[in-house]
Every structure is written in C-alpha cells, then in structure tokens.
Amino acid sequence: MLDDYVTLGRSGLRVSRMALGSFNFGGGRDWELAPEESHDIVDRYLALGGNFIDSANIYGAGEAEGIIGDHFVSTAARDAVVIATKFTNHPGAGDPNAGGAHRKSIMRACETSLRRLKTDYIDLYWMHLWDKATPIEETLRALDDLVAQGKILHVGFSNIPAWKVTEAQMLARFRGFSPVIALQLQYSLLERNIEAELVPMAAEHGIAICPWSPLKSGALTGRFTRETIGAANGGRAVLARRGLDERGFAIVDAVVAIAQARGLAPAQVALAWLRGRPGVASIILGADSIAELEENAASATLDLDADALAALDQVSRPEFRYPIDFVNRGAGAIQGGTRINGVSGIRP
C-alpha cells in the first residue's frame, strides 16, 4: 500500500509517499501514545511498505526519538528506513544557546538526537523553525560539516519563508554546501497559503514538499461540527478549532459530502487531494491507532475524479495578497491574448 516511492527533491533518496510522523509518541499527555502503542504503529507502518519516519528533538519531550531508536536498535532494519528528525526548538528553559540554528546548538542537538535514536547517522535533518537571530551561512556551514562527518545525509527546512529558502539555496550552490532537498510545511485543504510563494519557489529549486498537519489536527476528518466544536477540548481539539470558522466548515462540508458519495472516509478524501498537489512528495501522517493509520494510508492509492478535485479546489481556494494577486491578474497584460504554458488572459 505504501511501497510507492519517490526521490526526495533533487536527490536520490527514496521515500514513501506517506511518512509516519511521531509527534504523538511518548510524553505522557492525554493525546500522546505510550511506547508500546508507538512501537505497534511503527510495525504496522513498515508492514504496509512505508520507509520514512519523521521525528524531532522536542517530540514527547525527547521521548519520541528514544522510542524510534529502541524500535530499530535490536533489528537489522535501520538501514532500510529513512529516519528524519529536527533541531532548533529549545529543549527546556534558560541557556540561550540550547535552541536555535547556530553552530553550537546544531552540533549539540545532533549529538543528542543520535544518542536517542541509537544510530550513527540521520538520513534527513530538518531545521524545525527559521532562527532570525542566526545568519543562514552559519546554519548551512554547520549542517554541511555534519554531512561531511557522515552524521547527517541530507538537509531540510521547515516553517520558513520562501525568500529565506532561496537565499540559503543560492548560498549552498555557490559555496558548495549541501543543498536543501525538502521543505516540511503546513499544508492542507484548510491551509493553502504556501501556494502563493513557497510552492513555486520549491519547484524552481528542485525542493520537495512534505506537508505536516495534512488533516489540520483532525479538523478534516469531520469529527468536529458547528455544534460541538465550541465544547471540544483535550487532545488537539484546540488546534483544530483554529481552522474551523465558517469558511473552514464549508470546506469540511465539501470533503464530507464527497466522501459519503463515494463510500470513503473524509480523511482519505482530504489526503488524496493533497497527494496530488504540485510539488508534494511525502505527506507526514499522524496516527492515534493502527486503524487510523490504515485508513489514512489507504489514500496513497486513491485517485479522486475530476469533479471532486474541482469542487475541493474551488471551496478551499485561498485569496492571495499583493504582489502575487497582481502578478496573477497581470497575465493578460503580458500575453496579448495568447495562451502560454496553459495560461490565457486573466487567471481565475
């Protein structure tokens, strides 16, 4: 089911179209999974053909990396799996150098993650969040040193504006640093703002997109309604509420209607739409149970019909602001009424 692999960005690294996220592994909060439950989900993900597991140094207060490390330390499967983790976020309080994307923080975070993961290399190392206080040259050089040392194999960025990624990629190109091969960005039917600049920028530079929160913290599963959302609490309901204004519910209504008409789960519809978006390589799935993982993973082989795709695109279409809206509307002024690259006149 998940053994359909793609190369990640402008690299030869092969990953499943659906990755397994570990945001809810360990930690002890009411929505987080115990180690035994986490191991069961990893086992099922691998059995389905998946090979891409995503983590971060702060997930489960560090326990998520430990759970993943414990899972593979006694098996020969480590080299068959692509393990990704992240740095940048502060692991505690105090010590201003414990977080960020500067050399001291990166080196210490990497060594800590390697110990927890019980491995001698990380396949993909993500900068979790753009650190405005650190020059991007310092970040790139530190990451390139880790690549040279064999401690990480590839570099990725997350939660960062398009102009900064472009600066980083051009510096990497001209100075011979390891390039950014992937971006982990929030992307779903309820969050399409990356389409304004990040998506076309990624295509221009050969960078893959790996969406996080593809179901907007469960909002796109249809489990929340206009009547119940106000009382929803616990778990990730607070995060789901952020996307469920009247426009958000209109999008969910469309997803549910399409799912019911085709005998599908709403989550499968939302994930299938996302899988087909330009630039999307591998979607980061979260799962609270094996049943939920299997349901979501089934979307990897689901192709929605043209009518469903058009309806979803229309109801969720974002309104871009200047200058993107101006550039899009200006196609007619440039083209003289001709059709170029599939675009004619004024874009809708």
Protein backbone atom coordinates (compact mmCIF):
# COMPACT_ATOMS: atom_id res chain seq x y z
CA MET A 1 0.00 0.00 0.00
CA LEU A 2 2.83 2.42 0.87
CA ASP A 3 5.51 0.87 -1.32
CA ASP A 4 5.23 3.59 -3.97
CA TYR A 5 8.44 5.54 -3.53
CA VAL A 6 9.62 8.89 -4.86
CA THR A 7 13.01 10.55 -4.85
CA LEU A 8 13.04 13.44 -2.40
CA GLY A 9 13.67 16.71 -4.20
CA ARG A 10 16.86 16.95 -6.22
CA SER A 11 18.37 13.93 -4.50
CA GLY A 12 18.40 10.18 -4.94
CA LEU A 13 16.86 9.47 -1.52
CA ARG A 14 13.83 7.20 -1.96
CA VAL A 15 10.90 7.75 0.39
CA SER A 16 7.30 6.58 0.67
CA ARG A 17 4.55 8.93 -0.48
CA MET A 18 3.25 8.73 3.10
CA ALA A 19 5.64 9.25 6.02
CA LEU A 20 4.93 8.31 9.63
CA GLY A 21 5.10 11.26 12.00
CA SER A 22 5.98 10.74 15.67
CA PHE A 23 4.59 13.98 17.10
CA ASN A 24 2.39 11.93 19.43
CA PHE A 25 4.99 9.35 20.51
CA GLY A 26 5.76 9.41 24.24
CA GLY A 27 5.49 12.40 26.53
CA GLY A 28 2.64 11.26 28.75
CA ARG A 29 -0.02 13.83 27.80
CA ASP A 30 -3.58 12.60 27.20
CA TRP A 31 -3.21 12.62 23.40
CA GLU A 32 0.27 11.07 23.33
CA LEU A 33 0.95 7.35 22.91
CA ALA A 34 2.79 5.07 25.29
CA PRO A 35 5.97 3.43 23.94
CA GLU A 36 4.23 0.09 23.37
CA GLU A 37 1.46 1.69 21.30
CA SER A 38 4.03 3.68 19.34
CA HIS A 39 6.03 0.54 18.53
CA ASP A 40 2.87 -1.19 17.27
CA ILE A 41 2.12 1.71 14.93
CA VAL A 42 5.70 1.71 13.61
CA ASP A 43 5.46 -2.03 12.98
CA ARG A 44 2.21 -1.65 11.05
CA TYR A 45 3.55 1.27 9.03
CA LEU A 46 6.57 -0.79 7.98
CA ALA A 47 4.35 -3.77 7.17
CA LEU A 48 2.32 -1.56 4.83
CA GLY A 49 5.51 -0.79 2.91
CA GLY A 50 6.38 2.57 4.45
CA ASN A 51 10.03 3.54 4.92
CA PHE A 52 10.02 7.20 6.05
CA ILE A 53 9.75 8.05 9.78
CA ASP A 54 9.76 11.66 10.94
CA SER A 55 10.58 12.98 14.41
CA ALA A 56 12.01 15.98 16.26
CA ASN A 57 14.21 16.55 19.28
CA ILE A 58 11.27 18.03 21.22
CA TYR A 59 8.53 15.49 20.42
CA GLY A 60 7.39 13.85 23.62
CA ALA A 61 9.98 15.98 25.43
CA GLY A 62 12.62 13.93 23.61
CA GLU A 63 10.98 10.56 24.22
CA ALA A 64 9.80 10.14 20.61
CA GLU A 65 13.35 9.85 19.32
CA GLY A 66 14.10 7.33 22.05
CA ILE A 67 11.09 5.22 21.09
CA ILE A 68 12.21 5.15 17.46
CA GLY A 69 15.76 4.30 18.50
CA ASP A 70 14.60 1.46 20.73
CA HIS A 71 12.49 0.07 17.90
CA PHE A 72 15.39 -0.35 15.48
CA VAL A 73 18.37 -0.93 17.76
CA SER A 74 17.80 -4.67 18.03
CA THR A 75 16.93 -5.25 14.36
CA ALA A 76 18.71 -5.08 11.05
CA ALA A 77 16.00 -2.79 9.64
CA ARG A 78 17.66 0.54 10.47
CA ASP A 79 19.42 0.90 7.13
CA ALA A 80 16.20 0.11 5.25
CA VAL A 81 14.40 3.04 6.89
CA VAL A 82 14.75 6.76 6.24
CA ILE A 83 14.81 8.48 9.64
CA ALA A 84 14.34 12.23 9.83
CA THR A 85 14.48 14.46 12.88
CA LYS A 86 14.68 18.16 13.67
CA PHE A 87 16.67 20.75 15.59
CA THR A 88 16.10 24.43 16.52
CA ASN A 89 13.44 24.38 19.24
CA HIS A 90 14.72 24.86 22.79
CA PRO A 91 14.56 21.62 24.82
CA GLY A 92 13.93 23.36 28.13
CA ALA A 93 14.40 26.79 29.70
CA GLY A 94 17.28 29.15 30.24
CA ASP A 95 20.60 28.77 28.38
CA PRO A 96 20.11 30.93 25.27
CA ASN A 97 22.43 28.66 23.27
CA ALA A 98 20.39 25.49 23.80
CA GLY A 99 17.99 26.36 20.99
CA GLY A 100 18.32 27.97 17.59
CA ALA A 101 20.04 27.25 14.28
CA HIS A 102 23.55 28.38 15.20
CA ARG A 103 26.59 26.09 15.22
CA LYS A 104 26.70 25.42 18.97
CA SER A 105 23.03 24.50 19.11
CA ILE A 106 23.10 22.39 15.94
CA MET A 107 26.12 20.33 16.97
CA ARG A 108 24.77 19.65 20.44
CA ALA A 109 21.26 18.85 19.18
CA CYS A 110 22.60 16.45 16.57
CA GLU A 111 24.70 14.51 19.07
CA THR A 112 21.74 14.28 21.44
CA SER A 113 19.43 13.03 18.70
CA LEU A 114 21.97 10.45 17.54
CA ARG A 115 22.19 9.05 21.08
CA ARG A 116 18.42 8.88 21.46
CA LEU A 117 17.90 7.35 18.03
CA LYS A 118 20.71 4.85 18.76
CA THR A 119 22.14 5.32 15.30
CA ASP A 120 25.31 6.80 13.85
CA TYR A 121 23.58 8.81 11.14
CA ILE A 122 20.36 10.74 10.45
CA ASP A 123 19.02 10.45 6.91
CA LEU A 124 17.34 13.86 6.80
CA TYR A 125 17.97 16.65 9.32
CA TRP A 126 15.34 19.38 9.37
CA MET A 127 15.73 22.93 10.65
CA HIS A 128 12.43 22.99 12.56
CA LEU A 129 11.95 26.74 12.53
CA TRP A 130 13.75 29.67 10.94
CA ASP A 131 16.06 31.28 13.50
CA LYS A 132 16.08 35.00 12.67
CA ALA A 133 18.97 35.67 15.05
CA THR A 134 21.43 33.40 13.23
CA PRO A 135 22.96 34.13 9.81
CA ILE A 136 21.86 31.45 7.36
CA GLU A 137 25.51 31.00 6.30
CA GLU A 138 26.33 29.72 9.80
CA THR A 139 23.44 27.27 9.71
CA LEU A 140 24.39 25.94 6.28
CA ARG A 141 28.07 25.57 7.13
CA ALA A 142 27.33 23.69 10.34
CA LEU A 143 24.95 21.34 8.53
CA ASP A 144 27.46 20.82 5.72
CA ASP A 145 30.10 19.89 8.31
CA LEU A 146 27.73 17.27 9.73
CA VAL A 147 27.21 15.88 6.24
CA ALA A 148 30.99 15.70 5.74
CA GLN A 149 31.29 13.86 9.06
CA GLY A 150 28.62 11.35 7.98
CA LYS A 151 26.36 12.22 10.90
CA ILE A 152 23.58 13.50 8.64
CA LEU A 153 22.99 12.66 4.98
CA HIS A 154 20.60 15.35 3.75
CA VAL A 155 19.33 18.79 4.80
CA GLY A 156 15.75 20.03 5.03
CA PHE A 157 14.00 23.17 6.27
CA SER A 158 10.60 23.68 7.91
CA ASN A 159 8.42 26.68 8.77
CA ILE A 160 10.40 29.30 6.86
CA PRO A 161 9.53 31.97 4.26
CA ALA A 162 10.28 31.44 0.58
CA TRP A 163 12.79 34.27 0.28
CA LYS A 164 14.96 32.80 3.03
CA VAL A 165 14.97 29.35 1.43
CA THR A 166 16.04 30.94 -1.85
CA GLU A 167 18.88 32.78 -0.13
CA ALA A 168 20.01 29.55 1.53
CA GLN A 169 19.81 27.54 -1.67
CA MET A 170 21.83 30.08 -3.66
CA LEU A 171 24.48 30.26 -0.93
CA ALA A 172 24.67 26.47 -0.87
CA ARG A 173 25.08 26.38 -4.64
CA PHE A 174 27.85 28.97 -4.83
CA ARG A 175 29.77 27.86 -1.74
CA GLY A 176 29.45 24.13 -2.31
CA PHE A 177 27.36 23.45 0.80
CA SER A 178 24.88 20.59 0.95
CA PRO A 179 21.62 21.88 -0.57
CA VAL A 180 18.15 21.89 0.92
CA ILE A 181 16.33 18.93 -0.63
CA ALA A 182 12.97 19.19 1.13
CA LEU A 183 10.63 21.55 2.96
CA GLN A 184 8.27 20.39 5.71
CA LEU A 185 5.39 22.86 5.63
CA GLN A 186 1.86 23.05 6.98
CA TYR A 187 -0.38 22.24 4.02
CA SER A 188 -3.97 21.03 3.74
CA LEU A 189 -7.34 22.00 2.33
CA LEU A 190 -7.64 24.30 5.35
CA GLU A 191 -4.15 25.79 4.96
CA ARG A 192 -3.10 26.60 1.38
CA ASN A 193 -1.11 29.79 1.88
CA ILE A 194 2.15 28.12 0.86
CA GLU A 195 0.83 28.03 -2.71
CA ALA A 196 1.49 31.76 -3.08
CA GLU A 197 5.28 31.67 -2.96
CA LEU A 198 6.71 28.57 -1.29
CA VAL A 199 5.30 26.04 -3.78
CA PRO A 200 6.53 27.80 -6.95
CA MET A 201 9.86 28.58 -5.28
CA ALA A 202 10.32 24.92 -4.35
CA ALA A 203 9.59 23.85 -7.92
CA GLU A 204 12.13 26.34 -9.24
CA HIS A 205 14.87 25.00 -6.97
CA GLY A 206 14.01 21.30 -7.14
CA ILE A 207 12.94 21.09 -3.50
CA ALA A 208 10.34 18.55 -2.38
CA ILE A 209 7.39 19.48 -0.17
CA CYS A 210 6.44 17.27 2.79
CA PRO A 211 3.17 18.53 4.30
CA TRP A 212 2.65 18.44 8.06
CA SER A 213 -0.80 18.61 9.67
CA PRO A 214 -2.43 17.38 6.44
CA LEU A 215 -5.74 16.94 8.27
CA LYS A 216 -5.42 20.18 10.25
CA SER A 217 -5.24 18.45 13.63
CA GLY A 218 -8.23 16.27 12.80
CA ALA A 219 -10.49 19.06 11.53
CA LEU A 220 -10.69 17.44 8.08
CA THR A 221 -11.84 14.08 9.48
CA GLY A 222 -15.33 15.51 10.00
CA ARG A 223 -15.29 14.67 13.68
CA PHE A 224 -15.98 18.28 14.70
CA THR A 225 -19.25 20.01 13.86
CA ARG A 226 -20.53 23.57 14.23
CA GLU A 227 -22.48 22.38 17.27
CA THR A 228 -19.67 20.53 19.01
CA ILE A 229 -16.53 22.46 18.19
CA GLY A 230 -17.08 25.05 20.91
CA ALA A 231 -17.09 22.39 23.62
CA ALA A 232 -14.27 20.32 22.16
CA ASN A 233 -11.19 20.21 24.35
CA GLY A 234 -8.37 17.87 25.17
CA GLY A 235 -6.14 16.26 22.61
CA ARG A 236 -5.59 18.52 19.62
CA ALA A 237 -9.11 19.98 19.51
CA VAL A 238 -7.75 23.42 20.41
CA LEU A 239 -5.56 23.33 17.30
CA ALA A 240 -8.43 22.09 15.13
CA ARG A 241 -10.62 24.99 16.25
CA ARG A 242 -8.21 27.47 14.70
CA GLY A 243 -9.19 26.41 11.20
CA LEU A 244 -12.90 25.93 11.75
CA ASP A 245 -14.54 29.27 11.13
CA GLU A 246 -17.48 29.38 8.71
CA ARG A 247 -15.18 29.13 5.70
CA GLY A 248 -13.43 26.18 7.31
CA PHE A 249 -16.69 24.36 7.94
CA ALA A 250 -17.71 24.94 4.31
CA ILE A 251 -14.53 23.15 3.27
CA VAL A 252 -15.18 20.30 5.71
CA ASP A 253 -18.78 20.03 4.45
CA ALA A 254 -17.48 19.59 0.89
CA VAL A 255 -15.00 16.92 2.00
CA VAL A 256 -17.68 15.00 3.92
CA ALA A 257 -20.15 15.20 1.01
CA ILE A 258 -17.59 13.84 -1.46
CA ALA A 259 -16.60 11.09 0.97
CA GLN A 260 -20.18 9.99 1.57
CA ALA A 261 -20.99 9.95 -2.14
CA ARG A 262 -18.00 7.71 -2.88
CA GLY A 263 -18.02 5.46 0.18
CA LEU A 264 -14.80 6.91 1.57
CA ALA A 265 -13.64 8.37 4.87
CA PRO A 266 -13.34 12.18 4.90
CA ALA A 267 -9.66 11.91 5.87
CA GLN A 268 -8.99 9.78 2.78
CA VAL A 269 -10.54 12.42 0.54
CA ALA A 270 -8.51 15.24 2.11
CA LEU A 271 -5.27 13.26 1.88
CA ALA A 272 -5.88 12.16 -1.71
CA TRP A 273 -6.42 15.80 -2.74
CA LEU A 274 -3.19 16.80 -1.03
CA ARG A 275 -1.17 13.96 -2.51
CA GLY A 276 -1.95 15.26 -5.99
CA ARG A 277 -0.88 18.85 -5.38
CA PRO A 278 2.15 20.14 -7.31
CA GLY A 279 5.45 19.60 -5.53
CA VAL A 280 4.10 17.31 -2.81
CA ALA A 281 6.43 14.34 -2.34
CA SER A 282 5.61 12.71 1.01
CA ILE A 283 2.80 13.53 3.44
CA ILE A 284 3.55 13.33 7.18
CA LEU A 285 0.80 11.18 8.70
CA GLY A 286 -0.05 11.16 12.38
CA ALA A 287 -1.96 8.21 13.79
CA ASP A 288 -3.52 7.57 17.18
CA SER A 289 -4.22 3.92 16.39
CA ILE A 290 -3.45 1.21 13.87
CA ALA A 291 -6.98 1.53 12.46
CA GLU A 292 -6.46 5.24 11.87
CA LEU A 293 -3.08 4.61 10.24
CA GLU A 294 -4.58 2.00 7.90
CA GLU A 295 -7.48 4.26 6.96
CA ASN A 296 -5.21 7.18 6.16
CA ALA A 297 -2.62 5.04 4.38
CA ALA A 298 -5.34 3.78 2.02
CA SER A 299 -5.40 7.25 0.47
CA ALA A 300 -1.97 6.54 -1.04
CA THR A 301 -3.66 4.59 -3.83
CA LEU A 302 -6.81 6.72 -4.10
CA ASP A 303 -7.28 8.99 -7.10
CA LEU A 304 -10.20 11.40 -6.90
CA ASP A 305 -12.26 12.11 -10.01
CA ALA A 306 -12.07 15.48 -11.76
CA ASP A 307 -15.39 16.68 -10.35
CA ALA A 308 -14.30 16.02 -6.77
CA LEU A 309 -10.95 17.71 -7.28
CA ALA A 310 -12.58 20.77 -8.87
CA ALA A 311 -15.10 21.07 -6.04
CA LEU A 312 -12.42 20.84 -3.37
CA ASP A 313 -10.16 23.30 -5.15
CA GLN A 314 -12.98 25.81 -5.54
CA VAL A 315 -14.26 25.74 -1.97
CA SER A 316 -10.75 25.96 -0.45
CA ARG A 317 -9.11 28.36 -2.91
CA PRO A 318 -7.04 30.90 -0.94
CA GLU A 319 -7.07 34.63 -1.56
CA PHE A 320 -3.51 35.73 -2.18
CA ARG A 321 -2.48 39.29 -1.48
CA TYR A 322 -0.16 41.67 -3.27
CA PRO A 323 2.11 41.10 -5.14
CA ILE A 324 1.01 37.56 -6.03
CA ASP A 325 -2.58 38.51 -6.82
CA PHE A 326 -1.38 41.40 -9.00
CA VAL A 327 1.08 39.18 -10.90
CA ASN A 328 -1.58 36.52 -11.49
CA ARG A 329 -4.12 39.04 -12.77
CA GLY A 330 -1.48 40.65 -14.96
CA ALA A 331 -1.06 37.66 -17.26
CA GLY A 332 -3.37 39.25 -19.82
CA ALA A 333 -1.31 42.44 -19.91
CA ILE A 334 1.81 40.45 -20.79
CA GLN A 335 0.48 37.82 -23.18
CA GLY A 336 -1.57 39.90 -25.61
CA GLY A 337 -4.46 37.46 -25.55
CA THR A 338 -2.33 34.40 -26.30
CA ARG A 339 -2.10 31.19 -24.27
CA ILE A 340 1.31 30.48 -22.67
CA ASN A 341 2.11 27.44 -20.52
CA GLY A 342 -1.56 26.66 -20.22
CA VAL A 343 -2.49 30.17 -19.01
CA SER A 344 -4.53 32.62 -21.05
CA GLY A 345 -5.70 36.11 -20.15
CA ILE A 346 -6.62 36.78 -16.56
CA ARG A 347 -6.23 33.91 -14.14
CA PRO A 348 -9.27 32.96 -12.06
